[in-house]
Amino acid sequence: MTGHIVPGAGNRFLVRLSRERILGLPLLRGEVPGRELTPRGVRRTARALRKAGIVRVLAPEGFPLWEVVLAQGLRPVETGELCRTLAVPIALAALAGDGVPRRQASVALQGDRVTRALRVAAIELCPQVRQLLVEVPAGGEELQRELNREFGLPVVEGGPERWTHLTLCFSPPGEERRGRIVDLSGETPGLAEYRFNLREGALPGDAAALPLLAALWASGRLERGDITVQAHFHT
């Protein structure tokens, strides 16, 4: 079961644990003593959840005390696998946010090897953009040939000399920077400029959207198509 850390209702001394369900997902809710999230209260709540057998936890958006939670042996819900599965919606949201028509866009896929998520992204993006660049040393040439056979479109090998509007990184990005970089690697990619939501219905306000969606998706309660992505870039 996943834990859920939230501010309490005002009792300054009591850590309250209770079972709840969000969109069918069972959670063990831990209410932090008091009306505010303080390091002491969060520490006590995290310790209580850990003693109850919890390992992964959700928390409110912008939760400021993860270091306190981590020190008690808890970890945030991993979002990396979902983010890589959502690579195409994220890419299209990024292009829209930058005002780049997808039919005029040059997009690069970067990774150490051709994973399932990268291959799916390539197959879905190839017919939607002007040019797709593949920057994958292990299996990249074979993927290029497959895309050329399937779509008859120019899929080329990327490199530092080729400029792109957008690069999707399925492994940690290199030092070169060409256009917008979206780092999808790791357990919890940093995607603060993107907003994730349900296509239908609403998410509760006391849990960060992306980790909650990741937990729902991993449990089979959501499909990829149930999730929407919007870019909110700072100008």
Protein backbone atom coordinates (compact mmCIF):
# COMPACT_ATOMS: atom_id res chain seq x y z
CA MET A 1 0.00 0.00 0.00
CA THR A 2 1.07 3.58 -0.67
CA GLY A 3 1.10 6.26 2.03
CA HIS A 4 -0.30 9.79 1.77
CA ILE A 5 1.08 12.62 3.91
CA VAL A 6 -1.28 15.57 4.42
CA PRO A 7 -1.63 18.48 6.88
CA GLY A 8 -3.78 17.63 9.87
CA ALA A 9 -7.00 19.16 11.12
CA GLY A 10 -5.50 20.98 14.08
CA ASN A 11 -4.54 18.46 16.78
CA ARG A 12 -0.99 19.43 17.71
CA PHE A 13 0.01 16.10 19.25
CA LEU A 14 -1.74 13.25 17.44
CA VAL A 15 -0.52 11.56 14.25
CA ARG A 16 -3.67 10.21 12.71
CA LEU A 17 -3.47 7.24 10.34
CA SER A 18 -6.55 6.18 8.38
CA ARG A 19 -7.35 4.24 5.24
CA GLU A 20 -8.69 6.10 2.23
CA ARG A 21 -9.31 5.54 -1.46
CA ILE A 22 -8.60 7.97 -4.28
CA LEU A 23 -10.19 6.92 -7.57
CA GLY A 24 -10.16 3.36 -6.27
CA LEU A 25 -6.52 3.43 -5.15
CA PRO A 26 -6.12 2.29 -1.52
CA LEU A 27 -3.89 4.57 0.55
CA LEU A 28 -2.82 4.87 4.17
CA ARG A 29 -3.38 8.54 4.99
CA GLY A 30 -1.08 10.13 7.54
CA GLU A 31 -2.26 13.45 8.94
CA VAL A 32 0.57 15.60 10.27
CA PRO A 33 -0.11 17.03 13.76
CA GLY A 34 -1.26 20.65 13.62
CA ARG A 35 -2.55 22.67 10.72
CA GLU A 36 0.86 23.22 9.09
CA LEU A 37 3.60 20.97 7.77
CA THR A 38 6.44 21.31 10.26
CA PRO A 39 9.65 19.23 10.22
CA ARG A 40 8.84 17.71 13.62
CA GLY A 41 5.29 16.81 12.65
CA VAL A 42 6.31 15.41 9.27
CA ARG A 43 9.05 13.36 10.93
CA ARG A 44 6.57 11.82 13.36
CA THR A 45 4.08 11.11 10.59
CA ALA A 46 6.68 9.56 8.30
CA ARG A 47 7.92 7.38 11.17
CA ALA A 48 4.37 6.19 11.87
CA LEU A 49 3.79 5.33 8.22
CA ARG A 50 7.08 3.46 8.03
CA LYS A 51 6.20 1.44 11.13
CA ALA A 52 2.91 0.57 9.41
CA GLY A 53 4.88 -0.98 6.54
CA ILE A 54 4.67 1.89 4.07
CA VAL A 55 7.61 2.46 1.70
CA ARG A 56 6.29 4.85 -0.98
CA VAL A 57 4.29 7.96 -0.20
CA LEU A 58 2.35 10.74 -1.88
CA ALA A 59 2.44 14.32 -0.61
CA PRO A 60 0.88 17.67 -1.57
CA GLU A 61 2.11 19.61 -4.61
CA GLY A 62 5.30 21.51 -3.80
CA PHE A 63 5.86 19.52 -0.59
CA PRO A 64 8.93 21.18 1.03
CA LEU A 65 10.09 18.53 3.50
CA TRP A 66 11.08 15.51 1.44
CA GLU A 67 14.47 15.34 3.15
CA VAL A 68 12.67 14.70 6.45
CA VAL A 69 10.59 11.94 4.85
CA LEU A 70 13.61 10.32 3.17
CA ALA A 71 15.46 10.23 6.49
CA GLN A 72 12.70 7.96 7.86
CA GLY A 73 13.19 5.40 5.08
CA LEU A 74 10.26 6.47 2.90
CA ARG A 75 10.46 7.33 -0.79
CA PRO A 76 8.26 9.29 -3.19
CA VAL A 77 6.16 7.41 -5.71
CA GLU A 78 8.28 6.90 -8.82
CA THR A 79 7.06 8.77 -11.89
CA GLY A 80 9.77 7.92 -14.42
CA GLU A 81 8.10 4.99 -16.12
CA LEU A 82 4.86 6.90 -16.59
CA CYS A 83 6.71 9.98 -17.90
CA ARG A 84 8.52 7.87 -20.51
CA THR A 85 5.21 6.28 -21.47
CA LEU A 86 3.80 9.81 -21.88
CA ALA A 87 6.77 10.92 -24.02
CA VAL A 88 4.63 11.77 -27.06
CA PRO A 89 1.95 13.77 -25.20
CA ILE A 90 4.77 15.61 -23.39
CA ALA A 91 6.52 16.31 -26.69
CA LEU A 92 3.37 17.63 -28.34
CA ALA A 93 2.63 19.78 -25.28
CA ALA A 94 6.17 21.20 -25.40
CA LEU A 95 5.90 22.05 -29.10
CA ALA A 96 2.51 23.70 -28.51
CA GLY A 97 3.90 25.62 -25.54
CA ASP A 98 6.73 26.96 -27.71
CA GLY A 99 4.35 27.79 -30.55
CA VAL A 100 6.00 25.31 -32.97
CA PRO A 101 3.56 23.62 -35.39
CA ARG A 102 4.21 19.90 -35.18
CA ARG A 103 4.39 19.57 -38.99
CA GLN A 104 7.29 22.03 -38.94
CA ALA A 105 9.03 20.56 -35.91
CA SER A 106 12.36 18.79 -35.72
CA VAL A 107 12.41 16.40 -32.76
CA ALA A 108 15.30 14.26 -31.50
CA LEU A 109 15.08 11.10 -29.43
CA GLN A 110 18.14 10.53 -27.28
CA GLY A 111 19.02 7.44 -25.26
CA ASP A 112 21.66 4.83 -24.55
CA ARG A 113 19.62 2.10 -26.21
CA VAL A 114 16.29 1.48 -27.88
CA THR A 115 13.86 0.79 -25.04
CA ARG A 116 10.21 -0.05 -25.52
CA ALA A 117 9.18 3.47 -24.50
CA LEU A 118 11.64 5.08 -26.91
CA ARG A 119 10.56 2.85 -29.79
CA VAL A 120 6.87 3.58 -29.16
CA ALA A 121 7.62 7.30 -29.03
CA ALA A 122 9.50 7.10 -32.35
CA ILE A 123 6.67 5.21 -34.09
CA GLU A 124 4.04 7.66 -32.82
CA LEU A 125 6.02 10.86 -33.45
CA CYS A 126 7.46 10.01 -36.86
CA PRO A 127 4.29 10.69 -38.90
CA GLN A 128 3.41 13.79 -36.87
CA VAL A 129 6.57 15.91 -37.16
CA ARG A 130 8.64 17.25 -40.04
CA GLN A 131 11.81 15.47 -39.01
CA LEU A 132 12.69 12.87 -36.41
CA LEU A 133 16.30 12.43 -35.35
CA VAL A 134 17.44 9.28 -33.60
CA GLU A 135 20.44 9.61 -31.27
CA VAL A 136 20.73 6.09 -29.88
CA PRO A 137 24.04 4.21 -30.13
CA ALA A 138 22.59 0.75 -29.35
CA GLY A 139 19.91 -0.16 -31.87
CA GLY A 140 19.40 3.32 -33.31
CA GLU A 141 20.28 2.44 -36.91
CA GLU A 142 17.88 -0.50 -36.93
CA LEU A 143 15.12 1.74 -35.56
CA GLN A 144 15.82 4.31 -38.29
CA ARG A 145 15.48 1.63 -40.97
CA GLU A 146 12.24 0.38 -39.42
CA LEU A 147 10.74 3.88 -39.42
CA ASN A 148 11.86 4.53 -42.99
CA ARG A 149 10.22 1.31 -44.15
CA GLU A 150 7.03 2.01 -42.22
CA PHE A 151 6.51 5.68 -43.01
CA GLY A 152 8.81 6.50 -45.91
CA LEU A 153 9.86 9.64 -44.08
CA PRO A 154 13.34 11.03 -43.49
CA VAL A 155 14.51 9.68 -40.17
CA VAL A 156 18.13 10.61 -39.68
CA GLU A 157 20.88 10.04 -37.19
CA GLY A 158 21.21 12.95 -34.83
CA GLY A 159 24.32 14.65 -33.62
CA PRO A 160 25.60 17.86 -32.02
CA GLU A 161 25.70 19.59 -35.42
CA ARG A 162 21.97 19.08 -36.02
CA TRP A 163 19.64 21.68 -34.49
CA THR A 164 16.27 20.56 -33.12
CA HIS A 165 13.24 22.27 -31.67
CA LEU A 166 12.97 19.57 -29.01
CA THR A 167 15.03 16.68 -27.63
CA LEU A 168 13.44 13.91 -25.59
CA CYS A 169 16.08 12.28 -23.39
CA PHE A 170 15.43 8.71 -22.28
CA SER A 171 18.86 8.62 -20.60
CA PRO A 172 20.63 11.51 -18.85
CA PRO A 173 21.25 14.28 -21.42
CA GLY A 174 24.72 15.28 -22.53
CA GLU A 175 26.25 18.71 -22.24
CA GLU A 176 25.14 19.98 -25.65
CA ARG A 177 21.92 22.00 -25.67
CA ARG A 178 19.90 22.30 -28.87
CA GLY A 179 16.41 23.67 -28.49
CA ARG A 180 14.24 22.58 -25.59
CA ILE A 181 15.42 19.57 -23.59
CA VAL A 182 12.96 17.24 -21.86
CA ASP A 183 14.79 14.88 -19.51
CA LEU A 184 12.65 11.76 -19.05
CA SER A 185 15.39 9.69 -17.43
CA GLY A 186 15.56 8.42 -13.87
CA GLU A 187 12.99 7.50 -11.25
CA THR A 188 11.45 10.97 -10.85
CA PRO A 189 12.06 13.23 -13.86
CA GLY A 190 11.87 16.96 -13.17
CA LEU A 191 8.90 18.18 -15.19
CA ALA A 192 7.78 21.20 -13.18
CA GLU A 193 6.82 23.12 -16.34
CA TYR A 194 4.20 20.56 -17.31
CA ARG A 195 0.76 20.01 -15.84
CA PHE A 196 -0.72 16.51 -15.73
CA ASN A 197 -4.39 15.86 -15.21
CA LEU A 198 -7.27 13.52 -15.95
CA ARG A 199 -8.98 13.77 -19.31
CA GLU A 200 -12.27 13.31 -17.47
CA GLY A 201 -12.92 14.09 -13.83
CA ALA A 202 -10.74 15.86 -11.29
CA LEU A 203 -7.88 14.95 -8.99
CA PRO A 204 -7.94 15.80 -5.28
CA GLY A 205 -5.99 18.86 -4.28
CA ASP A 206 -4.05 17.30 -1.40
CA ALA A 207 -1.78 15.07 -3.52
CA ALA A 208 0.68 16.11 -6.23
CA ALA A 209 -0.87 15.24 -9.59
CA LEU A 210 1.93 13.40 -11.39
CA PRO A 211 2.87 10.98 -8.55
CA LEU A 212 -0.82 10.25 -7.92
CA LEU A 213 -1.39 9.57 -11.62
CA ALA A 214 1.71 7.34 -11.64
CA ALA A 215 0.34 5.31 -8.73
CA LEU A 216 -3.06 4.99 -10.41
CA TRP A 217 -1.47 4.03 -13.73
CA ALA A 218 0.90 1.48 -12.18
CA SER A 219 -2.04 -0.17 -10.41
CA GLY A 220 -3.95 -0.52 -13.69
CA ARG A 221 -6.64 2.02 -12.77
CA LEU A 222 -5.69 4.41 -15.59
CA GLU A 223 -4.64 4.09 -19.21
CA ARG A 224 -2.22 6.47 -20.87
CA GLY A 225 -5.05 8.02 -22.84
CA ASP A 226 -6.81 8.99 -19.60
CA ILE A 227 -4.04 11.51 -18.82
CA THR A 228 -3.61 14.96 -20.36
CA VAL A 229 -0.43 17.05 -20.50
CA GLN A 230 -0.08 20.83 -20.85
CA ALA A 231 3.08 22.94 -20.92
CA HIS A 232 3.34 26.09 -18.81
CA PHE A 233 6.64 27.66 -19.80
CA HIS A 234 7.92 30.79 -18.09
CA THR A 235 8.71 33.53 -20.56
